[in-house]
Amino acid sequence: MTIKILLACTLCAAVASCSTLKPTAFTNSTVKTDPVKFFIGKTKSYGVTEARNGKPASQITTETEGIVKDGVVYIEQDLYPGNGKKNHRTWQLKQIDEHHLEATANDIEGTARGELNGNYFTWTFRLKVNRGFIKHVRMSQHMYLMPDGETMIIRSVLRKFGIIVLEITEQFKK
């Protein structure tokens, strides 16, 4: 009986490892994401936030404007969460090589580092927040450029102590 349990666990682990989608799986897509180019000029997003239980919590919109100077994209972003209180974020985004980008922002601790493959871009960073005793959360973002080249879907997951505290799904349009 112990052998059967061991085999079942091994099979489950093998199946789970096969189902994990890696960023390189997007390398051969016909549409190529270029966050630097995408965020130059004006973009606007509409999205929803979901609470820990997966239920919609609020709506969110953003307006961004990016300019290039000395190989760096400077992005001014206004975020309008469901509570109506505007937040402002200033980004500095730079492409390091064909598959890697880095960014800093006024509400990010350190540097955000991301990986770019085909129409997919992902990164994780420490976001500063001011929610009582919580001073920061870990934010991971997954960005998918749609075939029209003008629409990007962004899925953000915010975690504290490894526990999901908020998820955001947004559609950005140029």
N, C-alpha and C. Protein backbone atom coordinates (compact mmCIF):
# COMPACT_ATOMS: atom_id res chain seq x y z
N MET A 1 0.81 -1.19 0.00
CA MET A 1 0.00 0.00 0.00
C MET A 1 0.86 1.26 0.00
N THR A 2 1.95 1.25 0.74
CA THR A 2 2.86 2.39 0.77
C THR A 2 3.43 2.67 -0.61
N ILE A 3 3.73 1.65 -1.39
CA ILE A 3 4.25 1.82 -2.75
C ILE A 3 3.22 2.52 -3.62
N LYS A 4 1.94 2.14 -3.48
CA LYS A 4 0.87 2.76 -4.28
C LYS A 4 0.75 4.25 -3.95
N ILE A 5 0.84 4.58 -2.67
CA ILE A 5 0.76 5.99 -2.26
C ILE A 5 1.96 6.75 -2.81
N LEU A 6 3.14 6.18 -2.71
CA LEU A 6 4.34 6.81 -3.24
C LEU A 6 4.23 7.02 -4.75
N LEU A 7 3.76 6.02 -5.47
CA LEU A 7 3.58 6.16 -6.92
C LEU A 7 2.54 7.22 -7.26
N ALA A 8 1.46 7.26 -6.51
CA ALA A 8 0.42 8.27 -6.75
C ALA A 8 0.97 9.67 -6.51
N CYS A 9 1.73 9.85 -5.44
CA CYS A 9 2.33 11.16 -5.15
C CYS A 9 3.32 11.56 -6.23
N THR A 10 4.12 10.60 -6.69
CA THR A 10 5.10 10.87 -7.75
C THR A 10 4.38 11.28 -9.04
N LEU A 11 3.30 10.57 -9.38
CA LEU A 11 2.54 10.89 -10.57
C LEU A 11 1.92 12.28 -10.47
N CYS A 12 1.35 12.62 -9.32
CA CYS A 12 0.77 13.95 -9.12
C CYS A 12 1.83 15.04 -9.25
N ALA A 13 2.99 14.83 -8.68
CA ALA A 13 4.08 15.81 -8.77
C ALA A 13 4.53 15.98 -10.21
N ALA A 14 4.62 14.88 -10.95
CA ALA A 14 5.03 14.94 -12.35
C ALA A 14 4.02 15.71 -13.19
N VAL A 15 2.74 15.45 -12.97
CA VAL A 15 1.68 16.15 -13.72
C VAL A 15 1.68 17.63 -13.36
N ALA A 16 1.82 17.94 -12.09
CA ALA A 16 1.83 19.34 -11.65
C ALA A 16 3.01 20.10 -12.25
N SER A 17 4.17 19.46 -12.33
CA SER A 17 5.34 20.14 -12.88
C SER A 17 5.19 20.35 -14.38
N CYS A 18 4.47 19.49 -15.06
CA CYS A 18 4.25 19.65 -16.50
C CYS A 18 3.27 20.77 -16.79
N SER A 19 2.36 21.05 -15.87
CA SER A 19 1.33 22.03 -16.13
C SER A 19 1.78 23.46 -15.84
N THR A 20 2.94 23.66 -15.25
CA THR A 20 3.42 24.98 -14.93
C THR A 20 3.89 25.67 -16.20
N LEU A 21 3.23 26.77 -16.54
CA LEU A 21 3.57 27.52 -17.74
C LEU A 21 4.75 28.42 -17.44
N LYS A 22 5.77 28.36 -18.24
CA LYS A 22 6.97 29.17 -18.05
C LYS A 22 6.96 30.34 -19.05
N PRO A 23 7.58 31.47 -18.69
CA PRO A 23 7.61 32.62 -19.60
C PRO A 23 8.16 32.28 -20.99
N THR A 24 9.11 31.36 -21.07
CA THR A 24 9.69 31.01 -22.37
C THR A 24 8.68 30.34 -23.29
N ALA A 25 7.55 29.88 -22.75
CA ALA A 25 6.51 29.26 -23.59
C ALA A 25 5.91 30.27 -24.57
N PHE A 26 6.09 31.56 -24.30
CA PHE A 26 5.52 32.61 -25.14
C PHE A 26 6.51 33.14 -26.19
N THR A 27 7.73 32.65 -26.19
CA THR A 27 8.79 33.17 -27.05
C THR A 27 8.40 33.21 -28.52
N ASN A 28 7.73 32.20 -29.02
CA ASN A 28 7.42 32.13 -30.45
C ASN A 28 6.08 32.75 -30.83
N SER A 29 5.46 33.51 -29.95
CA SER A 29 4.18 34.13 -30.30
C SER A 29 4.39 35.15 -31.42
N THR A 30 3.37 35.33 -32.24
CA THR A 30 3.49 36.25 -33.38
C THR A 30 3.48 37.70 -32.94
N VAL A 31 2.84 38.00 -31.81
CA VAL A 31 2.81 39.35 -31.26
C VAL A 31 3.93 39.45 -30.23
N LYS A 32 4.71 40.50 -30.27
CA LYS A 32 5.82 40.68 -29.33
C LYS A 32 5.54 41.86 -28.41
N THR A 33 5.56 41.61 -27.11
CA THR A 33 5.34 42.66 -26.13
C THR A 33 6.61 43.50 -26.00
N ASP A 34 6.44 44.79 -26.00
CA ASP A 34 7.52 45.71 -25.73
C ASP A 34 6.96 46.75 -24.76
N PRO A 35 7.05 46.49 -23.44
CA PRO A 35 6.48 47.43 -22.48
C PRO A 35 7.03 48.84 -22.63
N VAL A 36 8.29 48.97 -23.05
CA VAL A 36 8.87 50.29 -23.26
C VAL A 36 8.05 51.04 -24.31
N LYS A 37 7.85 50.43 -25.47
CA LYS A 37 7.06 51.09 -26.53
C LYS A 37 5.59 51.22 -26.14
N PHE A 38 5.04 50.19 -25.50
CA PHE A 38 3.62 50.22 -25.17
C PHE A 38 3.28 51.41 -24.27
N PHE A 39 4.13 51.71 -23.29
CA PHE A 39 3.81 52.77 -22.34
C PHE A 39 4.33 54.14 -22.73
N ILE A 40 4.89 54.29 -23.93
CA ILE A 40 5.22 55.62 -24.45
C ILE A 40 3.93 56.24 -24.97
N GLY A 41 3.69 57.47 -24.61
CA GLY A 41 2.43 58.11 -24.97
C GLY A 41 1.41 57.87 -23.88
N LYS A 42 0.13 57.91 -24.27
CA LYS A 42 -0.95 57.78 -23.28
C LYS A 42 -1.59 56.40 -23.35
N THR A 43 -1.88 55.86 -22.17
CA THR A 43 -2.66 54.63 -22.05
C THR A 43 -3.68 54.84 -20.93
N LYS A 44 -4.71 54.03 -20.99
CA LYS A 44 -5.75 54.07 -19.97
C LYS A 44 -6.13 52.64 -19.65
N SER A 45 -6.45 52.38 -18.38
CA SER A 45 -6.87 51.02 -18.02
C SER A 45 -8.18 51.05 -17.24
N TYR A 46 -8.86 49.92 -17.34
CA TYR A 46 -10.06 49.66 -16.57
C TYR A 46 -9.91 48.27 -15.98
N GLY A 47 -10.28 48.11 -14.72
CA GLY A 47 -10.13 46.80 -14.13
C GLY A 47 -10.95 46.61 -12.89
N VAL A 48 -10.77 45.44 -12.30
CA VAL A 48 -11.46 45.09 -11.06
C VAL A 48 -10.46 44.53 -10.06
N THR A 49 -10.73 44.77 -8.80
CA THR A 49 -9.95 44.15 -7.74
C THR A 49 -10.80 43.05 -7.13
N GLU A 50 -10.14 42.00 -6.69
CA GLU A 50 -10.82 40.88 -6.06
C GLU A 50 -10.22 40.66 -4.68
N ALA A 51 -11.09 40.47 -3.70
CA ALA A 51 -10.66 40.22 -2.33
C ALA A 51 -10.06 38.82 -2.22
N ARG A 52 -9.55 38.49 -1.05
CA ARG A 52 -8.94 37.18 -0.81
C ARG A 52 -9.86 36.02 -1.15
N ASN A 53 -11.15 36.22 -0.99
CA ASN A 53 -12.10 35.14 -1.26
C ASN A 53 -12.46 35.03 -2.75
N GLY A 54 -11.85 35.87 -3.59
CA GLY A 54 -12.10 35.82 -5.03
C GLY A 54 -13.28 36.64 -5.50
N LYS A 55 -14.00 37.27 -4.58
CA LYS A 55 -15.16 38.07 -4.95
C LYS A 55 -14.71 39.48 -5.34
N PRO A 56 -15.38 40.08 -6.35
CA PRO A 56 -15.04 41.45 -6.74
C PRO A 56 -15.15 42.39 -5.54
N ALA A 57 -14.14 43.24 -5.39
CA ALA A 57 -14.11 44.17 -4.27
C ALA A 57 -14.36 45.61 -4.71
N SER A 58 -13.79 45.99 -5.87
CA SER A 58 -13.97 47.35 -6.37
C SER A 58 -13.49 47.43 -7.81
N GLN A 59 -13.71 48.58 -8.40
CA GLN A 59 -13.20 48.84 -9.74
C GLN A 59 -11.97 49.72 -9.61
N ILE A 60 -11.15 49.71 -10.65
CA ILE A 60 -9.96 50.56 -10.67
C ILE A 60 -9.75 51.06 -12.09
N THR A 61 -9.31 52.29 -12.22
CA THR A 61 -8.92 52.82 -13.53
C THR A 61 -7.55 53.50 -13.36
N THR A 62 -6.81 53.56 -14.45
CA THR A 62 -5.54 54.28 -14.43
C THR A 62 -5.40 55.09 -15.71
N GLU A 63 -4.63 56.13 -15.62
CA GLU A 63 -4.24 56.92 -16.78
C GLU A 63 -2.74 57.09 -16.70
N THR A 64 -2.04 56.79 -17.81
CA THR A 64 -0.59 56.91 -17.81
C THR A 64 -0.13 57.73 -19.01
N GLU A 65 1.02 58.34 -18.84
CA GLU A 65 1.68 59.03 -19.94
C GLU A 65 3.17 58.80 -19.80
N GLY A 66 3.79 58.28 -20.87
CA GLY A 66 5.21 57.98 -20.83
C GLY A 66 5.99 58.72 -21.90
N ILE A 67 7.20 59.13 -21.53
CA ILE A 67 8.12 59.76 -22.48
C ILE A 67 9.48 59.07 -22.35
N VAL A 68 10.27 59.12 -23.44
CA VAL A 68 11.60 58.52 -23.43
C VAL A 68 12.64 59.63 -23.34
N LYS A 69 13.63 59.40 -22.48
CA LYS A 69 14.75 60.33 -22.35
C LYS A 69 15.98 59.52 -21.99
N ASP A 70 17.00 59.59 -22.82
CA ASP A 70 18.27 58.89 -22.59
C ASP A 70 18.09 57.39 -22.37
N GLY A 71 17.19 56.77 -23.14
CA GLY A 71 16.99 55.32 -23.07
C GLY A 71 16.13 54.86 -21.91
N VAL A 72 15.59 55.79 -21.14
CA VAL A 72 14.73 55.46 -20.01
C VAL A 72 13.32 55.98 -20.31
N VAL A 73 12.31 55.16 -20.01
CA VAL A 73 10.92 55.60 -20.16
C VAL A 73 10.46 56.13 -18.81
N TYR A 74 10.03 57.37 -18.79
CA TYR A 74 9.48 57.99 -17.59
C TYR A 74 7.97 57.96 -17.73
N ILE A 75 7.32 57.30 -16.79
CA ILE A 75 5.87 57.12 -16.85
C ILE A 75 5.23 57.77 -15.63
N GLU A 76 4.28 58.64 -15.90
CA GLU A 76 3.46 59.23 -14.84
C GLU A 76 2.13 58.49 -14.87
N GLN A 77 1.74 57.92 -13.74
CA GLN A 77 0.54 57.09 -13.68
C GLN A 77 -0.37 57.56 -12.54
N ASP A 78 -1.62 57.84 -12.90
CA ASP A 78 -2.64 58.16 -11.90
C ASP A 78 -3.54 56.95 -11.76
N LEU A 79 -3.68 56.46 -10.53
CA LEU A 79 -4.53 55.31 -10.23
C LEU A 79 -5.76 55.80 -9.48
N TYR A 80 -6.92 55.35 -9.93
CA TYR A 80 -8.18 55.72 -9.31
C TYR A 80 -8.85 54.44 -8.80
N PRO A 81 -8.58 54.06 -7.54
CA PRO A 81 -9.21 52.86 -7.00
C PRO A 81 -10.68 53.12 -6.70
N GLY A 82 -11.39 52.07 -6.38
CA GLY A 82 -12.82 52.15 -6.13
C GLY A 82 -13.23 53.16 -5.07
N ASN A 83 -12.32 53.47 -4.14
CA ASN A 83 -12.67 54.43 -3.10
C ASN A 83 -12.61 55.88 -3.59
N GLY A 84 -12.17 56.07 -4.85
CA GLY A 84 -12.14 57.40 -5.43
C GLY A 84 -10.92 58.23 -5.09
N LYS A 85 -10.09 57.78 -4.16
CA LYS A 85 -8.90 58.54 -3.76
C LYS A 85 -7.78 58.27 -4.76
N LYS A 86 -7.38 59.30 -5.48
CA LYS A 86 -6.34 59.16 -6.51
C LYS A 86 -4.98 58.91 -5.88
N ASN A 87 -4.24 57.96 -6.48
CA ASN A 87 -2.85 57.71 -6.12
C ASN A 87 -2.01 58.03 -7.34
N HIS A 88 -0.82 58.54 -7.11
CA HIS A 88 0.08 58.85 -8.23
C HIS A 88 1.36 58.02 -8.10
N ARG A 89 1.76 57.44 -9.21
CA ARG A 89 2.99 56.64 -9.25
C ARG A 89 3.85 57.18 -10.39
N THR A 90 5.15 57.35 -10.10
CA THR A 90 6.11 57.77 -11.12
C THR A 90 7.08 56.62 -11.34
N TRP A 91 7.10 56.10 -12.58
CA TRP A 91 7.95 54.98 -12.96
C TRP A 91 9.15 55.45 -13.76
N GLN A 92 10.24 54.71 -13.66
CA GLN A 92 11.38 54.82 -14.57
C GLN A 92 11.67 53.41 -15.05
N LEU A 93 11.46 53.17 -16.34
CA LEU A 93 11.52 51.84 -16.93
C LEU A 93 12.64 51.79 -17.95
N LYS A 94 13.47 50.73 -17.85
CA LYS A 94 14.60 50.60 -18.77
C LYS A 94 14.76 49.15 -19.20
N GLN A 95 14.95 48.95 -20.50
CA GLN A 95 15.19 47.61 -21.01
C GLN A 95 16.69 47.32 -20.87
N ILE A 96 17.00 46.18 -20.23
CA ILE A 96 18.39 45.80 -19.96
C ILE A 96 18.96 45.01 -21.14
N ASP A 97 18.19 44.04 -21.64
CA ASP A 97 18.58 43.27 -22.81
C ASP A 97 17.30 42.77 -23.48
N GLU A 98 17.41 41.87 -24.41
CA GLU A 98 16.26 41.41 -25.18
C GLU A 98 15.12 40.85 -24.31
N HIS A 99 15.46 40.25 -23.19
CA HIS A 99 14.45 39.58 -22.36
C HIS A 99 14.30 40.13 -20.95
N HIS A 100 14.95 41.24 -20.61
CA HIS A 100 14.91 41.73 -19.24
C HIS A 100 14.72 43.24 -19.16
N LEU A 101 13.87 43.65 -18.23
CA LEU A 101 13.61 45.05 -17.95
C LEU A 101 13.78 45.30 -16.46
N GLU A 102 14.05 46.55 -16.13
CA GLU A 102 14.11 46.97 -14.74
C GLU A 102 13.34 48.27 -14.60
N ALA A 103 12.81 48.49 -13.40
CA ALA A 103 12.08 49.72 -13.15
C ALA A 103 12.18 50.10 -11.69
N THR A 104 12.03 51.39 -11.47
CA THR A 104 11.88 51.90 -10.12
C THR A 104 10.62 52.77 -10.14
N ALA A 105 10.06 52.98 -8.98
CA ALA A 105 8.89 53.84 -8.84
C ALA A 105 8.87 54.39 -7.43
N ASN A 106 8.14 55.47 -7.26
CA ASN A 106 8.12 56.14 -5.96
C ASN A 106 7.52 55.28 -4.85
N ASP A 107 6.74 54.25 -5.18
CA ASP A 107 6.16 53.41 -4.14
C ASP A 107 6.62 51.95 -4.23
N ILE A 108 7.79 51.75 -4.81
CA ILE A 108 8.39 50.42 -4.88
C ILE A 108 9.69 50.44 -4.10
N GLU A 109 9.89 49.42 -3.27
CA GLU A 109 11.17 49.29 -2.56
C GLU A 109 12.17 48.64 -3.50
N GLY A 110 13.29 49.27 -3.72
CA GLY A 110 14.32 48.70 -4.58
C GLY A 110 13.95 48.78 -6.05
N THR A 111 14.34 47.76 -6.79
CA THR A 111 14.15 47.73 -8.24
C THR A 111 13.28 46.54 -8.63
N ALA A 112 12.32 46.80 -9.50
CA ALA A 112 11.51 45.72 -10.06
C ALA A 112 12.27 45.16 -11.25
N ARG A 113 12.37 43.84 -11.33
CA ARG A 113 13.07 43.19 -12.44
C ARG A 113 12.10 42.24 -13.12
N GLY A 114 12.08 42.30 -14.46
CA GLY A 114 11.12 41.49 -15.18
C GLY A 114 11.71 40.73 -16.33
N GLU A 115 10.94 39.73 -16.78
CA GLU A 115 11.33 38.87 -17.90
C GLU A 115 10.30 39.01 -19.01
N LEU A 116 10.79 39.16 -20.22
CA LEU A 116 9.98 39.40 -21.41
C LEU A 116 10.19 38.26 -22.40
N ASN A 117 9.09 37.65 -22.85
CA ASN A 117 9.15 36.58 -23.85
C ASN A 117 7.91 36.68 -24.73
N GLY A 118 8.09 36.89 -26.02
CA GLY A 118 6.96 36.96 -26.95
C GLY A 118 5.98 38.03 -26.53
N ASN A 119 4.71 37.64 -26.38
CA ASN A 119 3.69 38.61 -25.98
C ASN A 119 3.48 38.65 -24.46
N TYR A 120 4.40 38.10 -23.69
CA TYR A 120 4.26 37.97 -22.24
C TYR A 120 5.39 38.67 -21.51
N PHE A 121 5.02 39.38 -20.43
CA PHE A 121 5.99 40.03 -19.58
C PHE A 121 5.57 39.81 -18.14
N THR A 122 6.53 39.50 -17.27
CA THR A 122 6.21 39.29 -15.86
C THR A 122 7.31 39.89 -14.99
N TRP A 123 6.90 40.36 -13.82
CA TRP A 123 7.86 40.79 -12.82
C TRP A 123 7.23 40.77 -11.44
N THR A 124 8.10 40.84 -10.43
CA THR A 124 7.67 40.84 -9.03
C THR A 124 8.47 41.92 -8.32
N PHE A 125 7.79 42.62 -7.41
CA PHE A 125 8.47 43.67 -6.66
C PHE A 125 7.77 43.87 -5.32
N ARG A 126 8.43 44.63 -4.47
CA ARG A 126 7.90 44.97 -3.15
C ARG A 126 7.24 46.33 -3.23
N LEU A 127 5.93 46.36 -3.04
CA LEU A 127 5.14 47.58 -3.14
C LEU A 127 4.92 48.17 -1.75
N LYS A 128 5.23 49.46 -1.60
CA LYS A 128 5.00 50.13 -0.33
C LYS A 128 3.50 50.43 -0.21
N VAL A 129 2.95 50.12 0.95
CA VAL A 129 1.55 50.44 1.25
C VAL A 129 1.49 51.01 2.66
N ASN A 130 0.42 51.66 2.97
CA ASN A 130 0.26 52.20 4.32
C ASN A 130 -1.11 51.78 4.82
N ARG A 131 -1.20 50.55 5.27
CA ARG A 131 -2.45 49.97 5.76
C ARG A 131 -2.25 49.53 7.22
N GLY A 132 -2.18 50.48 8.11
CA GLY A 132 -1.96 50.15 9.53
C GLY A 132 -0.57 49.61 9.74
N PHE A 133 -0.48 48.40 10.28
CA PHE A 133 0.84 47.81 10.54
C PHE A 133 1.46 47.21 9.27
N ILE A 134 0.71 47.10 8.19
CA ILE A 134 1.26 46.56 6.93
C ILE A 134 1.91 47.70 6.16
N LYS A 135 3.21 47.60 5.95
CA LYS A 135 3.98 48.65 5.28
C LYS A 135 4.35 48.31 3.84
N HIS A 136 4.29 47.02 3.48
CA HIS A 136 4.60 46.62 2.11
C HIS A 136 3.96 45.25 1.82
N VAL A 137 3.80 44.99 0.53
CA VAL A 137 3.31 43.69 0.05
C VAL A 137 4.17 43.27 -1.13
N ARG A 138 4.15 42.01 -1.45
CA ARG A 138 4.85 41.48 -2.63
C ARG A 138 3.84 41.50 -3.77
N MET A 139 4.18 42.16 -4.87
CA MET A 139 3.28 42.26 -6.01
C MET A 139 3.90 41.58 -7.21
N SER A 140 3.18 40.66 -7.81
CA SER A 140 3.64 40.06 -9.07
C SER A 140 2.63 40.43 -10.14
N GLN A 141 3.15 40.75 -11.31
CA GLN A 141 2.30 41.14 -12.44
C GLN A 141 2.64 40.28 -13.65
N HIS A 142 1.57 39.91 -14.35
CA HIS A 142 1.69 39.12 -15.58
C HIS A 142 0.97 39.91 -16.66
N MET A 143 1.70 40.30 -17.72
CA MET A 143 1.16 41.16 -18.77
C MET A 143 1.14 40.41 -20.09
N TYR A 144 0.01 40.51 -20.79
CA TYR A 144 -0.17 39.82 -22.07
C TYR A 144 -0.62 40.82 -23.11
N LEU A 145 0.20 41.02 -24.14
CA LEU A 145 -0.18 41.91 -25.24
C LEU A 145 -1.11 41.15 -26.18
N MET A 146 -2.24 41.75 -26.50
CA MET A 146 -3.22 41.13 -27.38
C MET A 146 -2.83 41.34 -28.85
N PRO A 147 -3.36 40.52 -29.75
CA PRO A 147 -2.97 40.59 -31.16
C PRO A 147 -3.14 41.96 -31.83
N ASP A 148 -4.03 42.82 -31.33
CA ASP A 148 -4.19 44.14 -31.94
C ASP A 148 -3.02 45.07 -31.65
N GLY A 149 -2.14 44.70 -30.72
CA GLY A 149 -0.98 45.52 -30.37
C GLY A 149 -1.32 46.77 -29.58
N GLU A 150 -2.60 46.99 -29.33
CA GLU A 150 -3.07 48.19 -28.63
C GLU A 150 -3.66 47.87 -27.26
N THR A 151 -3.83 46.59 -26.96
CA THR A 151 -4.47 46.17 -25.72
C THR A 151 -3.53 45.25 -24.95
N MET A 152 -3.40 45.52 -23.66
CA MET A 152 -2.60 44.66 -22.81
C MET A 152 -3.45 44.28 -21.59
N ILE A 153 -3.50 42.98 -21.30
CA ILE A 153 -4.19 42.48 -20.12
C ILE A 153 -3.13 42.28 -19.04
N ILE A 154 -3.40 42.84 -17.86
CA ILE A 154 -2.45 42.73 -16.76
C ILE A 154 -3.16 42.09 -15.57
N ARG A 155 -2.55 41.04 -15.06
CA ARG A 155 -3.05 40.34 -13.88
C ARG A 155 -2.04 40.57 -12.76
N SER A 156 -2.46 41.21 -11.68
CA SER A 156 -1.60 41.51 -10.54
C SER A 156 -2.07 40.72 -9.32
N VAL A 157 -1.11 40.20 -8.58
CA VAL A 157 -1.41 39.47 -7.35
C VAL A 157 -0.57 40.08 -6.24
N LEU A 158 -1.24 40.51 -5.17
CA LEU A 158 -0.56 41.09 -4.02
C LEU A 158 -0.62 40.09 -2.87
N ARG A 159 0.56 39.85 -2.28
CA ARG A 159 0.68 38.86 -1.19
C ARG A 159 1.36 39.49 0.02
N LYS A 160 0.96 39.01 1.18
CA LYS A 160 1.61 39.36 2.43
C LYS A 160 1.84 38.06 3.18
N PHE A 161 3.07 37.79 3.57
CA PHE A 161 3.45 36.53 4.22
C PHE A 161 3.05 35.33 3.35
N GLY A 162 3.11 35.50 2.03
CA GLY A 162 2.78 34.43 1.10
C GLY A 162 1.29 34.22 0.87
N ILE A 163 0.47 34.98 1.56
CA ILE A 163 -0.99 34.84 1.44
C ILE A 163 -1.52 35.92 0.50
N ILE A 164 -2.35 35.53 -0.45
CA ILE A 164 -2.94 36.49 -1.38
C ILE A 164 -3.88 37.40 -0.61
N VAL A 165 -3.65 38.72 -0.72
CA VAL A 165 -4.52 39.69 -0.06
C VAL A 165 -5.40 40.43 -1.07
N LEU A 166 -4.96 40.49 -2.34
CA LEU A 166 -5.73 41.20 -3.36
C LEU A 166 -5.26 40.75 -4.73
N GLU A 167 -6.19 40.66 -5.67
CA GLU A 167 -5.86 40.38 -7.06
C GLU A 167 -6.50 41.46 -7.92
N ILE A 168 -5.81 41.85 -8.97
CA ILE A 168 -6.30 42.91 -9.86
C ILE A 168 -6.19 42.42 -11.29
N THR A 169 -7.25 42.60 -12.05
CA THR A 169 -7.23 42.30 -13.48
C THR A 169 -7.58 43.60 -14.21
N GLU A 170 -6.69 44.02 -15.12
CA GLU A 170 -6.89 45.27 -15.84
C GLU A 170 -6.70 45.08 -17.33
N GLN A 171 -7.37 45.91 -18.10
CA GLN A 171 -7.16 45.98 -19.54
C GLN A 171 -6.65 47.38 -19.87
N PHE A 172 -5.42 47.45 -20.36
CA PHE A 172 -4.82 48.70 -20.78
C PHE A 172 -5.02 48.90 -22.27
N LYS A 173 -5.35 50.12 -22.66
CA LYS A 173 -5.51 50.46 -24.09
C LYS A 173 -4.65 51.66 -24.41
N LYS A 174 -4.02 51.60 -25.59
CA LYS A 174 -3.23 52.75 -26.08
C LYS A 174 -4.17 53.76 -26.66
